[in-house]
Amino acid sequence: MVVNLADTYKVRSNRESGYGRYDVMIEPLDRAGKAFIFEFKVLDPDEDEETLQDTLANAHAQIDEKQYEAELLAGGFAPEQIRKYGFAFQGKECLIG
């Protein structure tokens, strides 16, 4: 999938932005396009997560708290161009939102 994006997107992972390191950022080469931030989490009962929805909520909270969109905003992207997705896993189950 990532190889097919190379002509139209810049794909980066585990780089610093804001106050932490995002898992994956996909930035369009055409500044009019949408950018994506992905945060991957595995359900962790030690983090008070009982369901995949809890894990997904923690992924979104991390994206917002760490301000992972800072790099994109500094690069000229408007907030409405940035899509933020959490991926929550538990065994073979996955919830994306």
N, C-alpha and C. Protein backbone atom coordinates (compact mmCIF):
# COMPACT_ATOMS: atom_id res chain seq x y z
N MET A 1 0.82 -1.19 0.00
CA MET A 1 0.00 0.00 0.00
C MET A 1 0.86 1.26 0.00
N VAL A 2 1.87 1.29 0.84
CA VAL A 2 2.70 2.48 0.96
C VAL A 2 3.46 2.76 -0.33
N VAL A 3 3.92 1.72 -1.02
CA VAL A 3 4.65 1.90 -2.27
C VAL A 3 3.77 2.60 -3.29
N ASN A 4 2.49 2.26 -3.35
CA ASN A 4 1.57 2.89 -4.30
C ASN A 4 1.31 4.35 -3.98
N LEU A 5 1.56 4.77 -2.76
CA LEU A 5 1.34 6.16 -2.36
C LEU A 5 2.52 7.07 -2.72
N ALA A 6 3.66 6.49 -3.05
CA ALA A 6 4.90 7.26 -3.21
C ALA A 6 4.81 8.37 -4.26
N ASP A 7 3.97 8.22 -5.27
CA ASP A 7 3.87 9.25 -6.31
C ASP A 7 3.06 10.46 -5.88
N THR A 8 2.22 10.29 -4.87
CA THR A 8 1.32 11.39 -4.49
C THR A 8 1.41 11.80 -3.02
N TYR A 9 2.10 10.99 -2.20
CA TYR A 9 2.20 11.29 -0.78
C TYR A 9 3.62 11.09 -0.26
N LYS A 10 3.93 11.80 0.80
CA LYS A 10 5.15 11.59 1.55
C LYS A 10 4.73 10.81 2.79
N VAL A 11 5.28 9.62 2.99
CA VAL A 11 4.91 8.77 4.11
C VAL A 11 6.08 8.73 5.09
N ARG A 12 5.76 9.05 6.35
CA ARG A 12 6.79 9.06 7.40
C ARG A 12 6.25 8.31 8.61
N SER A 13 7.17 7.76 9.40
CA SER A 13 6.74 7.09 10.62
C SER A 13 7.70 7.38 11.76
N ASN A 14 7.10 7.39 12.95
CA ASN A 14 7.86 7.53 14.20
C ASN A 14 8.79 8.74 14.20
N ARG A 15 8.28 9.86 13.72
CA ARG A 15 9.04 11.11 13.73
C ARG A 15 8.46 12.05 14.77
N GLU A 16 9.28 12.96 15.25
CA GLU A 16 8.82 13.93 16.23
C GLU A 16 7.93 14.98 15.59
N SER A 17 6.85 15.30 16.28
CA SER A 17 5.97 16.39 15.89
C SER A 17 5.19 16.78 17.13
N GLY A 18 5.08 18.06 17.39
CA GLY A 18 4.42 18.49 18.61
C GLY A 18 5.24 18.05 19.81
N TYR A 19 4.62 17.30 20.71
CA TYR A 19 5.28 16.87 21.94
C TYR A 19 5.50 15.37 22.01
N GLY A 20 5.64 14.73 20.86
CA GLY A 20 5.85 13.29 20.86
C GLY A 20 6.20 12.78 19.49
N ARG A 21 6.01 11.49 19.30
CA ARG A 21 6.30 10.82 18.03
C ARG A 21 5.04 10.11 17.55
N TYR A 22 4.56 10.53 16.39
CA TYR A 22 3.40 9.87 15.80
C TYR A 22 3.82 8.52 15.24
N ASP A 23 2.83 7.65 15.02
CA ASP A 23 3.14 6.35 14.42
C ASP A 23 3.33 6.48 12.91
N VAL A 24 2.35 7.04 12.21
CA VAL A 24 2.46 7.23 10.77
C VAL A 24 1.81 8.55 10.38
N MET A 25 2.47 9.28 9.49
CA MET A 25 1.90 10.50 8.91
C MET A 25 1.99 10.37 7.39
N ILE A 26 0.90 10.65 6.74
CA ILE A 26 0.84 10.60 5.27
C ILE A 26 0.48 12.00 4.80
N GLU A 27 1.42 12.64 4.13
CA GLU A 27 1.28 14.03 3.70
C GLU A 27 1.20 14.10 2.19
N PRO A 28 0.16 14.74 1.65
CA PRO A 28 0.05 14.83 0.19
C PRO A 28 1.11 15.76 -0.40
N LEU A 29 1.65 15.39 -1.53
CA LEU A 29 2.59 16.27 -2.22
C LEU A 29 1.87 17.50 -2.75
N ASP A 30 0.61 17.33 -3.13
CA ASP A 30 -0.25 18.44 -3.55
C ASP A 30 -0.87 19.04 -2.30
N ARG A 31 -0.49 20.27 -1.97
CA ARG A 31 -0.93 20.92 -0.73
C ARG A 31 -2.45 21.09 -0.63
N ALA A 32 -3.18 20.84 -1.69
CA ALA A 32 -4.64 20.94 -1.65
C ALA A 32 -5.28 19.65 -1.12
N GLY A 33 -4.48 18.60 -1.00
CA GLY A 33 -5.01 17.30 -0.58
C GLY A 33 -5.14 17.16 0.92
N LYS A 34 -5.61 16.01 1.35
CA LYS A 34 -5.79 15.68 2.76
C LYS A 34 -4.54 14.99 3.30
N ALA A 35 -4.20 15.31 4.55
CA ALA A 35 -3.10 14.66 5.25
C ALA A 35 -3.70 13.74 6.32
N PHE A 36 -2.94 12.70 6.69
CA PHE A 36 -3.45 11.71 7.63
C PHE A 36 -2.43 11.44 8.72
N ILE A 37 -2.94 11.31 9.95
CA ILE A 37 -2.12 10.89 11.08
C ILE A 37 -2.74 9.61 11.61
N PHE A 38 -1.91 8.57 11.76
CA PHE A 38 -2.37 7.28 12.27
C PHE A 38 -1.67 6.99 13.59
N GLU A 39 -2.44 6.58 14.58
CA GLU A 39 -1.89 6.15 15.87
C GLU A 39 -2.39 4.73 16.13
N PHE A 40 -1.47 3.80 16.36
CA PHE A 40 -1.80 2.39 16.58
C PHE A 40 -1.66 2.04 18.05
N LYS A 41 -2.66 1.36 18.60
CA LYS A 41 -2.63 0.97 20.01
C LYS A 41 -3.17 -0.44 20.17
N VAL A 42 -2.61 -1.15 21.14
CA VAL A 42 -3.10 -2.46 21.53
C VAL A 42 -3.81 -2.29 22.86
N LEU A 43 -5.00 -2.90 23.00
CA LEU A 43 -5.75 -2.80 24.24
C LEU A 43 -4.87 -3.15 25.42
N ASP A 44 -4.85 -2.25 26.41
CA ASP A 44 -3.99 -2.42 27.58
C ASP A 44 -4.81 -2.22 28.85
N PRO A 45 -5.15 -3.32 29.54
CA PRO A 45 -5.93 -3.19 30.77
C PRO A 45 -5.24 -2.32 31.83
N ASP A 46 -3.91 -2.26 31.79
CA ASP A 46 -3.18 -1.42 32.74
C ASP A 46 -3.41 0.07 32.50
N GLU A 47 -3.94 0.40 31.33
CA GLU A 47 -4.27 1.79 30.99
C GLU A 47 -5.77 2.04 31.15
N ASP A 48 -6.43 1.21 31.97
CA ASP A 48 -7.89 1.31 32.20
C ASP A 48 -8.69 1.14 30.91
N GLU A 49 -8.20 0.32 30.01
CA GLU A 49 -8.92 0.03 28.77
C GLU A 49 -9.61 -1.32 28.91
N GLU A 50 -10.93 -1.31 28.79
CA GLU A 50 -11.69 -2.55 28.87
C GLU A 50 -12.20 -2.99 27.51
N THR A 51 -12.34 -2.04 26.58
CA THR A 51 -12.88 -2.34 25.26
C THR A 51 -12.00 -1.70 24.19
N LEU A 52 -12.21 -2.12 22.95
CA LEU A 52 -11.49 -1.49 21.84
C LEU A 52 -11.87 -0.02 21.71
N GLN A 53 -13.10 0.33 22.10
CA GLN A 53 -13.52 1.73 22.06
C GLN A 53 -12.68 2.56 23.03
N ASP A 54 -12.36 1.99 24.21
CA ASP A 54 -11.49 2.68 25.16
C ASP A 54 -10.10 2.92 24.56
N THR A 55 -9.58 1.89 23.90
CA THR A 55 -8.25 1.98 23.29
C THR A 55 -8.26 3.00 22.16
N LEU A 56 -9.32 3.00 21.37
CA LEU A 56 -9.45 3.98 20.28
C LEU A 56 -9.50 5.40 20.84
N ALA A 57 -10.25 5.58 21.91
CA ALA A 57 -10.33 6.90 22.55
C ALA A 57 -8.96 7.34 23.05
N ASN A 58 -8.17 6.41 23.59
CA ASN A 58 -6.82 6.76 24.05
C ASN A 58 -5.91 7.12 22.89
N ALA A 59 -6.08 6.47 21.76
CA ALA A 59 -5.28 6.80 20.58
C ALA A 59 -5.58 8.23 20.13
N HIS A 60 -6.86 8.58 20.08
CA HIS A 60 -7.24 9.94 19.69
C HIS A 60 -6.77 10.97 20.72
N ALA A 61 -6.88 10.62 21.99
CA ALA A 61 -6.42 11.53 23.04
C ALA A 61 -4.92 11.78 22.90
N GLN A 62 -4.16 10.73 22.58
CA GLN A 62 -2.71 10.89 22.42
C GLN A 62 -2.39 11.80 21.23
N ILE A 63 -3.08 11.62 20.12
CA ILE A 63 -2.87 12.48 18.95
C ILE A 63 -3.09 13.94 19.32
N ASP A 64 -4.18 14.20 20.05
CA ASP A 64 -4.50 15.58 20.42
C ASP A 64 -3.57 16.14 21.49
N GLU A 65 -3.32 15.36 22.55
CA GLU A 65 -2.48 15.83 23.65
C GLU A 65 -1.05 16.10 23.20
N LYS A 66 -0.53 15.24 22.33
CA LYS A 66 0.85 15.39 21.86
C LYS A 66 0.96 16.35 20.68
N GLN A 67 -0.18 16.81 20.18
CA GLN A 67 -0.23 17.77 19.08
C GLN A 67 0.56 17.30 17.86
N TYR A 68 0.29 16.07 17.45
CA TYR A 68 1.01 15.49 16.32
C TYR A 68 0.79 16.27 15.02
N GLU A 69 -0.29 17.04 14.93
CA GLU A 69 -0.56 17.79 13.71
C GLU A 69 0.34 19.02 13.56
N ALA A 70 1.15 19.34 14.56
CA ALA A 70 1.99 20.55 14.54
C ALA A 70 2.87 20.64 13.29
N GLU A 71 3.46 19.54 12.90
CA GLU A 71 4.33 19.52 11.71
C GLU A 71 3.54 19.90 10.45
N LEU A 72 2.34 19.36 10.34
CA LEU A 72 1.51 19.65 9.17
C LEU A 72 1.04 21.11 9.18
N LEU A 73 0.63 21.59 10.33
CA LEU A 73 0.19 22.98 10.44
C LEU A 73 1.33 23.94 10.10
N ALA A 74 2.52 23.63 10.60
CA ALA A 74 3.69 24.46 10.29
C ALA A 74 4.03 24.41 8.81
N GLY A 75 3.67 23.32 8.15
CA GLY A 75 3.92 23.16 6.72
C GLY A 75 2.86 23.78 5.84
N GLY A 76 1.88 24.45 6.45
CA GLY A 76 0.88 25.16 5.67
C GLY A 76 -0.45 24.47 5.49
N PHE A 77 -0.64 23.32 6.12
CA PHE A 77 -1.93 22.65 6.01
C PHE A 77 -2.93 23.28 6.97
N ALA A 78 -4.17 23.41 6.52
CA ALA A 78 -5.25 23.92 7.37
C ALA A 78 -5.76 22.75 8.22
N PRO A 79 -6.26 23.05 9.42
CA PRO A 79 -6.76 21.97 10.28
C PRO A 79 -7.80 21.07 9.61
N GLU A 80 -8.65 21.64 8.75
CA GLU A 80 -9.68 20.83 8.10
C GLU A 80 -9.12 19.88 7.04
N GLN A 81 -7.85 20.03 6.69
CA GLN A 81 -7.21 19.12 5.73
C GLN A 81 -6.59 17.92 6.43
N ILE A 82 -6.56 17.92 7.75
CA ILE A 82 -5.86 16.88 8.50
C ILE A 82 -6.88 15.89 9.07
N ARG A 83 -6.69 14.62 8.74
CA ARG A 83 -7.54 13.55 9.25
C ARG A 83 -6.73 12.76 10.27
N LYS A 84 -7.34 12.48 11.41
CA LYS A 84 -6.66 11.76 12.49
C LYS A 84 -7.39 10.44 12.73
N TYR A 85 -6.65 9.34 12.67
CA TYR A 85 -7.24 8.01 12.84
C TYR A 85 -6.51 7.24 13.93
N GLY A 86 -7.30 6.61 14.76
CA GLY A 86 -6.77 5.67 15.74
C GLY A 86 -7.05 4.26 15.25
N PHE A 87 -6.14 3.36 15.54
CA PHE A 87 -6.29 1.94 15.23
C PHE A 87 -6.14 1.20 16.55
N ALA A 88 -7.18 0.52 16.96
CA ALA A 88 -7.16 -0.22 18.22
C ALA A 88 -7.18 -1.71 17.93
N PHE A 89 -6.28 -2.44 18.59
CA PHE A 89 -6.15 -3.88 18.35
C PHE A 89 -6.31 -4.66 19.65
N GLN A 90 -6.92 -5.82 19.51
CA GLN A 90 -6.96 -6.82 20.59
C GLN A 90 -6.97 -8.18 19.90
N GLY A 91 -5.84 -8.84 19.93
CA GLY A 91 -5.73 -10.10 19.20
C GLY A 91 -5.96 -9.86 17.72
N LYS A 92 -6.92 -10.58 17.14
CA LYS A 92 -7.23 -10.42 15.72
C LYS A 92 -8.30 -9.38 15.46
N GLU A 93 -8.81 -8.77 16.51
CA GLU A 93 -9.83 -7.74 16.36
C GLU A 93 -9.19 -6.37 16.18
N CYS A 94 -9.84 -5.54 15.37
CA CYS A 94 -9.33 -4.20 15.11
C CYS A 94 -10.50 -3.24 14.99
N LEU A 95 -10.34 -2.06 15.58
CA LEU A 95 -11.33 -1.00 15.46
C LEU A 95 -10.59 0.24 14.98
N ILE A 96 -11.11 0.85 13.93
CA ILE A 96 -10.48 2.03 13.33
C ILE A 96 -11.48 3.18 13.38
N GLY A 97 -10.99 4.31 13.78
CA GLY A 97 -11.89 5.47 13.82
C GLY A 97 -11.15 6.76 14.01
